[in-house]
Amino acid sequence: MSNHEDKKQEILDAFQFRHATKEFDPNKKITDSDFEFILEAGRLSPSSVGYEPWKFLVVQNRKLREKLREVSWGAQGQLPTASHFVLILARTIKDTKYDSKYVEDQMLNVKQFPPEIFAQIKERYKSFQEDDLHLLESERAIFDWACKQTYIALGNMMTAAAQIGIDSCPIEGFDFDKVQAILEEAGLLEEGHLGVSVMVAFGYRAKEPRPKTRKNLEDIVQWINE
């Protein structure tokens, strides 16, 4: 088998390995270097118009984990046992609106666009948000758009973890308002610039999962050639 075919099989094996781990072995910890690799996969992820509208909170504090567990029905087994537990936050309209200070800094200082280029593309961002996707119809609409970007990072982090034999579980089963209140009280939302998008736990499985099931490829793919 060629290196090309070997790599394809390696990636597919990682997808077969990955499953939504409900309980981790609390005695097995991810090494610092391996977790930095997972975070780097998140950092390097793409996002719409390059906004990178995310922040990764790695929650290792046991008291905070227990507070989150009380309001997160989908993380009852993961919060006490995961080696690393991450809250992926999304940026709110305060940062993601086309004329925000965050967008200006992102384009001029991170992406290093020349000022004259940024002045031109800012108008494109305005039209994109107002007319194309109607993102400015409500604060929730543009926040949900930012949350969609965080799921790209989420997927890449879980796949990267699976490729080095680390388990994970994405979690949406939580009370949004109560999690927000906990994070706000802890001073972790940058005064309304961030909100919780999704949670993800990492570690090593406590037991083997049942075989993976998925629809057949022909049931979910339609080719339009002519």
C-alpha atoms as a PDB file:
ATOM      1  CA  MET A   1       0.000   0.000   0.000  1.00  0.00           C
ATOM      2  CA  SER A   2       1.346   3.453  -0.916  1.00  0.00           C
ATOM      3  CA  ASN A   3       1.999   6.196   1.621  1.00  0.00           C
ATOM      4  CA  HIS A   4      -1.011   8.025   0.186  1.00  0.00           C
ATOM      5  CA  GLU A   5      -3.296   5.036   0.760  1.00  0.00           C
ATOM      6  CA  ASP A   6      -1.746   4.414   4.182  1.00  0.00           C
ATOM      7  CA  LYS A   7      -2.558   7.974   5.230  1.00  0.00           C
ATOM      8  CA  LYS A   8      -6.154   7.686   4.044  1.00  0.00           C
ATOM      9  CA  GLN A   9      -6.606   4.471   6.003  1.00  0.00           C
ATOM     10  CA  GLU A  10      -4.986   6.018   9.083  1.00  0.00           C
ATOM     11  CA  ILE A  11      -7.494   8.891   9.021  1.00  0.00           C
ATOM     12  CA  LEU A  12     -10.466   6.567   8.512  1.00  0.00           C
ATOM     13  CA  ASP A  13      -9.219   4.365  11.362  1.00  0.00           C
ATOM     14  CA  ALA A  14      -9.235   7.433  13.621  1.00  0.00           C
ATOM     15  CA  PHE A  15     -12.865   8.130  12.714  1.00  0.00           C
ATOM     16  CA  GLN A  16     -13.740   4.513  13.432  1.00  0.00           C
ATOM     17  CA  PHE A  17     -11.926   4.750  16.787  1.00  0.00           C
ATOM     18  CA  ARG A  18     -13.652   7.968  17.886  1.00  0.00           C
ATOM     19  CA  HIS A  19     -16.892   7.680  19.789  1.00  0.00           C
ATOM     20  CA  ALA A  20     -18.859   9.833  22.221  1.00  0.00           C
ATOM     21  CA  THR A  21     -17.180   8.639  25.402  1.00  0.00           C
ATOM     22  CA  LYS A  22     -19.605   8.856  28.317  1.00  0.00           C
ATOM     23  CA  GLU A  23     -17.137   7.926  31.054  1.00  0.00           C
ATOM     24  CA  PHE A  24     -13.358   8.144  31.113  1.00  0.00           C
ATOM     25  CA  ASP A  25     -10.714   6.314  33.128  1.00  0.00           C
ATOM     26  CA  PRO A  26      -9.983   8.924  35.844  1.00  0.00           C
ATOM     27  CA  ASN A  27      -6.540   7.413  36.468  1.00  0.00           C
ATOM     28  CA  LYS A  28      -5.282   8.053  32.937  1.00  0.00           C
ATOM     29  CA  LYS A  29      -4.153  11.585  32.115  1.00  0.00           C
ATOM     30  CA  ILE A  30      -3.316  13.161  28.780  1.00  0.00           C
ATOM     31  CA  THR A  31       0.266  14.408  28.609  1.00  0.00           C
ATOM     32  CA  ASP A  32       0.885  18.136  28.267  1.00  0.00           C
ATOM     33  CA  SER A  33       2.425  17.714  24.824  1.00  0.00           C
ATOM     34  CA  ASP A  34      -0.507  15.638  23.551  1.00  0.00           C
ATOM     35  CA  PHE A  35      -3.059  18.144  24.803  1.00  0.00           C
ATOM     36  CA  GLU A  36      -1.113  21.040  23.294  1.00  0.00           C
ATOM     37  CA  PHE A  37      -1.379  19.145  19.998  1.00  0.00           C
ATOM     38  CA  ILE A  38      -5.184  18.947  20.374  1.00  0.00           C
ATOM     39  CA  LEU A  39      -5.413  22.661  21.171  1.00  0.00           C
ATOM     40  CA  GLU A  40      -3.199  23.469  18.200  1.00  0.00           C
ATOM     41  CA  ALA A  41      -5.622  21.591  15.946  1.00  0.00           C
ATOM     42  CA  GLY A  42      -8.321  23.909  17.243  1.00  0.00           C
ATOM     43  CA  ARG A  43      -6.209  27.028  16.817  1.00  0.00           C
ATOM     44  CA  LEU A  44      -5.364  26.199  13.201  1.00  0.00           C
ATOM     45  CA  SER A  45      -8.992  25.558  12.247  1.00  0.00           C
ATOM     46  CA  PRO A  46     -10.680  27.672   9.563  1.00  0.00           C
ATOM     47  CA  SER A  47     -13.502  30.099  10.285  1.00  0.00           C
ATOM     48  CA  SER A  48     -15.850  32.201   8.175  1.00  0.00           C
ATOM     49  CA  VAL A  49     -14.030  35.289   6.858  1.00  0.00           C
ATOM     50  CA  GLY A  50     -11.141  34.400   9.160  1.00  0.00           C
ATOM     51  CA  TYR A  51     -12.686  35.851  12.321  1.00  0.00           C
ATOM     52  CA  GLU A  52     -11.524  33.014  14.633  1.00  0.00           C
ATOM     53  CA  PRO A  53     -14.468  33.871  16.937  1.00  0.00           C
ATOM     54  CA  TRP A  54     -13.605  31.396  19.678  1.00  0.00           C
ATOM     55  CA  LYS A  55     -11.902  30.887  22.988  1.00  0.00           C
ATOM     56  CA  PHE A  56     -11.053  27.560  24.603  1.00  0.00           C
ATOM     57  CA  LEU A  57     -11.519  27.336  28.380  1.00  0.00           C
ATOM     58  CA  VAL A  58      -9.705  24.279  29.743  1.00  0.00           C
ATOM     59  CA  VAL A  59     -11.532  23.598  33.001  1.00  0.00           C
ATOM     60  CA  GLN A  60      -9.344  21.569  35.363  1.00  0.00           C
ATOM     61  CA  ASN A  61     -10.648  23.183  38.559  1.00  0.00           C
ATOM     62  CA  ARG A  62     -12.719  20.542  40.365  1.00  0.00           C
ATOM     63  CA  LYS A  63     -15.016  23.024  42.099  1.00  0.00           C
ATOM     64  CA  LEU A  64     -15.894  24.692  38.805  1.00  0.00           C
ATOM     65  CA  ARG A  65     -16.411  21.305  37.178  1.00  0.00           C
ATOM     66  CA  GLU A  66     -18.867  20.359  39.919  1.00  0.00           C
ATOM     67  CA  LYS A  67     -20.791  23.605  39.457  1.00  0.00           C
ATOM     68  CA  LEU A  68     -21.023  22.891  35.742  1.00  0.00           C
ATOM     69  CA  ARG A  69     -22.088  19.305  36.394  1.00  0.00           C
ATOM     70  CA  GLU A  70     -25.113  20.526  38.359  1.00  0.00           C
ATOM     71  CA  VAL A  71     -26.453  22.302  35.250  1.00  0.00           C
ATOM     72  CA  SER A  72     -25.103  20.026  32.500  1.00  0.00           C
ATOM     73  CA  TRP A  73     -27.238  16.911  32.173  1.00  0.00           C
ATOM     74  CA  GLY A  74     -25.196  15.703  29.206  1.00  0.00           C
ATOM     75  CA  ALA A  75     -21.875  15.761  31.074  1.00  0.00           C
ATOM     76  CA  GLN A  76     -22.688  13.798  34.212  1.00  0.00           C
ATOM     77  CA  GLY A  77     -20.177  11.046  33.480  1.00  0.00           C
ATOM     78  CA  GLN A  78     -17.593  13.176  31.712  1.00  0.00           C
ATOM     79  CA  LEU A  79     -17.054  16.108  34.077  1.00  0.00           C
ATOM     80  CA  PRO A  80     -15.852  13.973  37.025  1.00  0.00           C
ATOM     81  CA  THR A  81     -13.696  11.607  34.957  1.00  0.00           C
ATOM     82  CA  ALA A  82     -12.270  13.447  31.920  1.00  0.00           C
ATOM     83  CA  SER A  83      -8.568  14.155  31.892  1.00  0.00           C
ATOM     84  CA  HIS A  84      -9.276  17.538  30.268  1.00  0.00           C
ATOM     85  CA  PHE A  85     -12.624  19.327  29.950  1.00  0.00           C
ATOM     86  CA  VAL A  86     -13.011  22.214  27.521  1.00  0.00           C
ATOM     87  CA  LEU A  87     -15.696  24.863  27.173  1.00  0.00           C
ATOM     88  CA  ILE A  88     -15.595  26.337  23.689  1.00  0.00           C
ATOM     89  CA  LEU A  89     -16.831  29.912  23.827  1.00  0.00           C
ATOM     90  CA  ALA A  90     -18.047  31.951  20.879  1.00  0.00           C
ATOM     91  CA  ARG A  91     -17.707  35.705  20.465  1.00  0.00           C
ATOM     92  CA  THR A  92     -20.826  37.838  20.650  1.00  0.00           C
ATOM     93  CA  ILE A  93     -21.976  40.746  18.465  1.00  0.00           C
ATOM     94  CA  LYS A  94     -19.683  43.015  20.487  1.00  0.00           C
ATOM     95  CA  ASP A  95     -16.768  41.379  18.651  1.00  0.00           C
ATOM     96  CA  THR A  96     -18.205  39.840  15.484  1.00  0.00           C
ATOM     97  CA  LYS A  97     -20.059  42.822  13.995  1.00  0.00           C
ATOM     98  CA  TYR A  98     -18.200  44.016  10.907  1.00  0.00           C
ATOM     99  CA  ASP A  99     -17.222  47.377  12.456  1.00  0.00           C
ATOM    100  CA  SER A 100     -16.046  46.092  15.854  1.00  0.00           C
ATOM    101  CA  LYS A 101     -12.642  46.705  17.394  1.00  0.00           C
ATOM    102  CA  TYR A 102     -12.120  42.933  17.458  1.00  0.00           C
ATOM    103  CA  VAL A 103     -12.603  42.623  13.678  1.00  0.00           C
ATOM    104  CA  GLU A 104     -10.300  45.577  13.072  1.00  0.00           C
ATOM    105  CA  ASP A 105      -7.573  44.057  15.239  1.00  0.00           C
ATOM    106  CA  GLN A 106      -8.044  40.629  13.662  1.00  0.00           C
ATOM    107  CA  MET A 107      -7.675  41.928  10.144  1.00  0.00           C
ATOM    108  CA  LEU A 108      -4.926  44.499  10.686  1.00  0.00           C
ATOM    109  CA  ASN A 109      -2.776  42.822  13.338  1.00  0.00           C
ATOM    110  CA  VAL A 110      -3.458  39.089  13.074  1.00  0.00           C
ATOM    111  CA  LYS A 111      -4.116  38.673   9.351  1.00  0.00           C
ATOM    112  CA  GLN A 112      -1.926  41.713   8.619  1.00  0.00           C
ATOM    113  CA  PHE A 113      -4.086  43.206   5.899  1.00  0.00           C
ATOM    114  CA  PRO A 114      -2.954  46.660   4.722  1.00  0.00           C
ATOM    115  CA  PRO A 115      -5.321  49.367   6.065  1.00  0.00           C
ATOM    116  CA  GLU A 116      -6.542  50.275   2.582  1.00  0.00           C
ATOM    117  CA  ILE A 117      -7.438  46.644   1.871  1.00  0.00           C
ATOM    118  CA  PHE A 118      -9.252  46.324   5.185  1.00  0.00           C
ATOM    119  CA  ALA A 119     -11.273  49.465   4.414  1.00  0.00           C
ATOM    120  CA  GLN A 120     -12.483  47.786   1.221  1.00  0.00           C
ATOM    121  CA  ILE A 121     -13.268  44.358   2.658  1.00  0.00           C
ATOM    122  CA  LYS A 122     -15.066  45.841   5.667  1.00  0.00           C
ATOM    123  CA  GLU A 123     -17.809  46.913   3.261  1.00  0.00           C
ATOM    124  CA  ARG A 124     -17.929  43.345   1.959  1.00  0.00           C
ATOM    125  CA  TYR A 125     -18.290  42.070   5.555  1.00  0.00           C
ATOM    126  CA  LYS A 126     -21.093  44.583   6.140  1.00  0.00           C
ATOM    127  CA  SER A 127     -23.023  43.329   3.119  1.00  0.00           C
ATOM    128  CA  PHE A 128     -22.302  39.707   4.072  1.00  0.00           C
ATOM    129  CA  GLN A 129     -23.737  40.194   7.553  1.00  0.00           C
ATOM    130  CA  GLU A 130     -26.648  42.476   6.671  1.00  0.00           C
ATOM    131  CA  ASP A 131     -27.807  41.163   3.297  1.00  0.00           C
ATOM    132  CA  ASP A 132     -26.366  37.740   2.504  1.00  0.00           C
ATOM    133  CA  LEU A 133     -26.950  35.823   5.749  1.00  0.00           C
ATOM    134  CA  HIS A 134     -29.123  38.336   7.662  1.00  0.00           C
ATOM    135  CA  LEU A 135     -26.849  37.965  10.685  1.00  0.00           C
ATOM    136  CA  LEU A 136     -27.698  41.341  12.162  1.00  0.00           C
ATOM    137  CA  GLU A 137     -31.414  40.633  12.518  1.00  0.00           C
ATOM    138  CA  SER A 138     -30.743  39.776  16.160  1.00  0.00           C
ATOM    139  CA  GLU A 139     -27.858  39.347  18.563  1.00  0.00           C
ATOM    140  CA  ARG A 140     -28.738  35.659  18.761  1.00  0.00           C
ATOM    141  CA  ALA A 141     -28.465  35.238  14.979  1.00  0.00           C
ATOM    142  CA  ILE A 142     -24.891  36.495  14.820  1.00  0.00           C
ATOM    143  CA  PHE A 143     -23.966  34.608  18.003  1.00  0.00           C
ATOM    144  CA  ASP A 144     -25.283  31.376  16.463  1.00  0.00           C
ATOM    145  CA  TRP A 145     -23.187  32.122  13.365  1.00  0.00           C
ATOM    146  CA  ALA A 146     -20.099  32.430  15.570  1.00  0.00           C
ATOM    147  CA  CYS A 147     -21.049  29.173  17.317  1.00  0.00           C
ATOM    148  CA  LYS A 148     -21.138  27.440  13.915  1.00  0.00           C
ATOM    149  CA  GLN A 149     -17.494  28.392  13.455  1.00  0.00           C
ATOM    150  CA  THR A 150     -16.531  26.867  16.794  1.00  0.00           C
ATOM    151  CA  TYR A 151     -17.881  23.515  15.639  1.00  0.00           C
ATOM    152  CA  ILE A 152     -15.208  23.418  12.943  1.00  0.00           C
ATOM    153  CA  ALA A 153     -12.562  23.697  15.649  1.00  0.00           C
ATOM    154  CA  LEU A 154     -14.463  21.167  17.771  1.00  0.00           C
ATOM    155  CA  GLY A 155     -14.436  18.573  14.993  1.00  0.00           C
ATOM    156  CA  ASN A 156     -10.772  19.105  14.230  1.00  0.00           C
ATOM    157  CA  MET A 157      -9.803  18.771  17.896  1.00  0.00           C
ATOM    158  CA  MET A 158     -11.707  15.503  18.292  1.00  0.00           C
ATOM    159  CA  THR A 159     -10.261  14.072  15.077  1.00  0.00           C
ATOM    160  CA  ALA A 160      -6.738  15.088  16.039  1.00  0.00           C
ATOM    161  CA  ALA A 161      -7.244  13.452  19.432  1.00  0.00           C
ATOM    162  CA  ALA A 162      -8.523  10.246  17.849  1.00  0.00           C
ATOM    163  CA  GLN A 163      -5.497  10.071  15.569  1.00  0.00           C
ATOM    164  CA  ILE A 164      -3.242   9.765  18.637  1.00  0.00           C
ATOM    165  CA  GLY A 165      -5.517   7.380  20.532  1.00  0.00           C
ATOM    166  CA  ILE A 166      -7.273   9.900  22.785  1.00  0.00           C
ATOM    167  CA  ASP A 167     -11.021   9.718  23.360  1.00  0.00           C
ATOM    168  CA  SER A 168     -13.472  12.601  23.397  1.00  0.00           C
ATOM    169  CA  CYS A 169     -17.127  13.547  23.724  1.00  0.00           C
ATOM    170  CA  PRO A 170     -18.865  16.674  22.405  1.00  0.00           C
ATOM    171  CA  ILE A 171     -21.580  17.930  24.769  1.00  0.00           C
ATOM    172  CA  GLU A 172     -24.585  20.173  24.110  1.00  0.00           C
ATOM    173  CA  GLY A 173     -26.643  18.870  27.030  1.00  0.00           C
ATOM    174  CA  PHE A 174     -26.497  21.853  29.366  1.00  0.00           C
ATOM    175  CA  ASP A 175     -28.648  24.739  30.572  1.00  0.00           C
ATOM    176  CA  PHE A 176     -27.270  27.665  28.558  1.00  0.00           C
ATOM    177  CA  ASP A 177     -28.435  30.413  30.916  1.00  0.00           C
ATOM    178  CA  LYS A 178     -27.148  28.672  34.033  1.00  0.00           C
ATOM    179  CA  VAL A 179     -23.759  27.902  32.480  1.00  0.00           C
ATOM    180  CA  GLN A 180     -23.551  31.523  31.356  1.00  0.00           C
ATOM    181  CA  ALA A 181     -24.283  32.673  34.906  1.00  0.00           C
ATOM    182  CA  ILE A 182     -21.565  30.421  36.353  1.00  0.00           C
ATOM    183  CA  LEU A 183     -18.991  31.688  33.863  1.00  0.00           C
ATOM    184  CA  GLU A 184     -20.070  35.305  34.319  1.00  0.00           C
ATOM    185  CA  GLU A 185     -19.706  35.007  38.084  1.00  0.00           C
ATOM    186  CA  ALA A 186     -16.210  33.591  37.561  1.00  0.00           C
ATOM    187  CA  GLY A 187     -15.313  36.533  35.294  1.00  0.00           C
ATOM    188  CA  LEU A 188     -14.706  34.322  32.258  1.00  0.00           C
ATOM    189  CA  LEU A 189     -16.951  35.945  29.637  1.00  0.00           C
ATOM    190  CA  GLU A 190     -14.986  39.171  29.092  1.00  0.00           C
ATOM    191  CA  GLU A 191     -17.927  41.373  30.079  1.00  0.00           C
ATOM    192  CA  GLY A 192     -20.350  40.030  27.500  1.00  0.00           C
ATOM    193  CA  HIS A 193     -17.914  39.511  24.665  1.00  0.00           C
ATOM    194  CA  LEU A 194     -18.148  35.702  24.938  1.00  0.00           C
ATOM    195  CA  GLY A 195     -20.844  33.064  25.384  1.00  0.00           C
ATOM    196  CA  VAL A 196     -20.783  29.291  25.746  1.00  0.00           C
ATOM    197  CA  SER A 197     -21.125  27.399  22.470  1.00  0.00           C
ATOM    198  CA  VAL A 198     -20.334  23.756  23.217  1.00  0.00           C
ATOM    199  CA  MET A 199     -18.420  21.557  25.657  1.00  0.00           C
ATOM    200  CA  VAL A 200     -15.974  18.754  24.896  1.00  0.00           C
ATOM    201  CA  ALA A 201     -14.304  16.216  27.164  1.00  0.00           C
ATOM    202  CA  PHE A 202     -11.006  14.435  26.474  1.00  0.00           C
ATOM    203  CA  GLY A 203      -9.395  11.419  28.100  1.00  0.00           C
ATOM    204  CA  TYR A 204      -9.185   7.649  27.835  1.00  0.00           C
ATOM    205  CA  ARG A 205     -12.238   5.396  27.669  1.00  0.00           C
ATOM    206  CA  ALA A 206     -13.228   3.428  30.748  1.00  0.00           C
ATOM    207  CA  LYS A 207     -14.754   0.663  28.621  1.00  0.00           C
ATOM    208  CA  GLU A 208     -15.038  -0.316  24.984  1.00  0.00           C
ATOM    209  CA  PRO A 209     -17.988   1.156  23.058  1.00  0.00           C
ATOM    210  CA  ARG A 210     -20.497  -0.704  20.945  1.00  0.00           C
ATOM    211  CA  PRO A 211     -19.667  -0.950  17.215  1.00  0.00           C
ATOM    212  CA  LYS A 212     -20.050   2.284  15.254  1.00  0.00           C
ATOM    213  CA  THR A 213     -23.180   2.633  13.143  1.00  0.00           C
ATOM    214  CA  ARG A 214     -23.785   5.083  10.286  1.00  0.00           C
ATOM    215  CA  LYS A 215     -26.025   5.367   7.242  1.00  0.00           C
ATOM    216  CA  ASN A 216     -24.630   4.047   3.965  1.00  0.00           C
ATOM    217  CA  LEU A 217     -22.811   6.572   1.808  1.00  0.00           C
ATOM    218  CA  GLU A 218     -25.314   6.251  -1.020  1.00  0.00           C
ATOM    219  CA  ASP A 219     -28.090   7.240   1.385  1.00  0.00           C
ATOM    220  CA  ILE A 220     -26.552  10.634   2.157  1.00  0.00           C
ATOM    221  CA  VAL A 221     -24.738  11.646  -1.051  1.00  0.00           C
ATOM    222  CA  GLN A 222     -26.356  12.892  -4.241  1.00  0.00           C
ATOM    223  CA  TRP A 223     -24.188  13.682  -7.255  1.00  0.00           C
ATOM    224  CA  ILE A 224     -25.386  16.393  -9.662  1.00  0.00           C
ATOM    225  CA  ASN A 225     -23.266  16.096 -12.791  1.00  0.00           C
ATOM    226  CA  GLU A 226     -25.416  17.603 -15.524  1.00  0.00           C
END
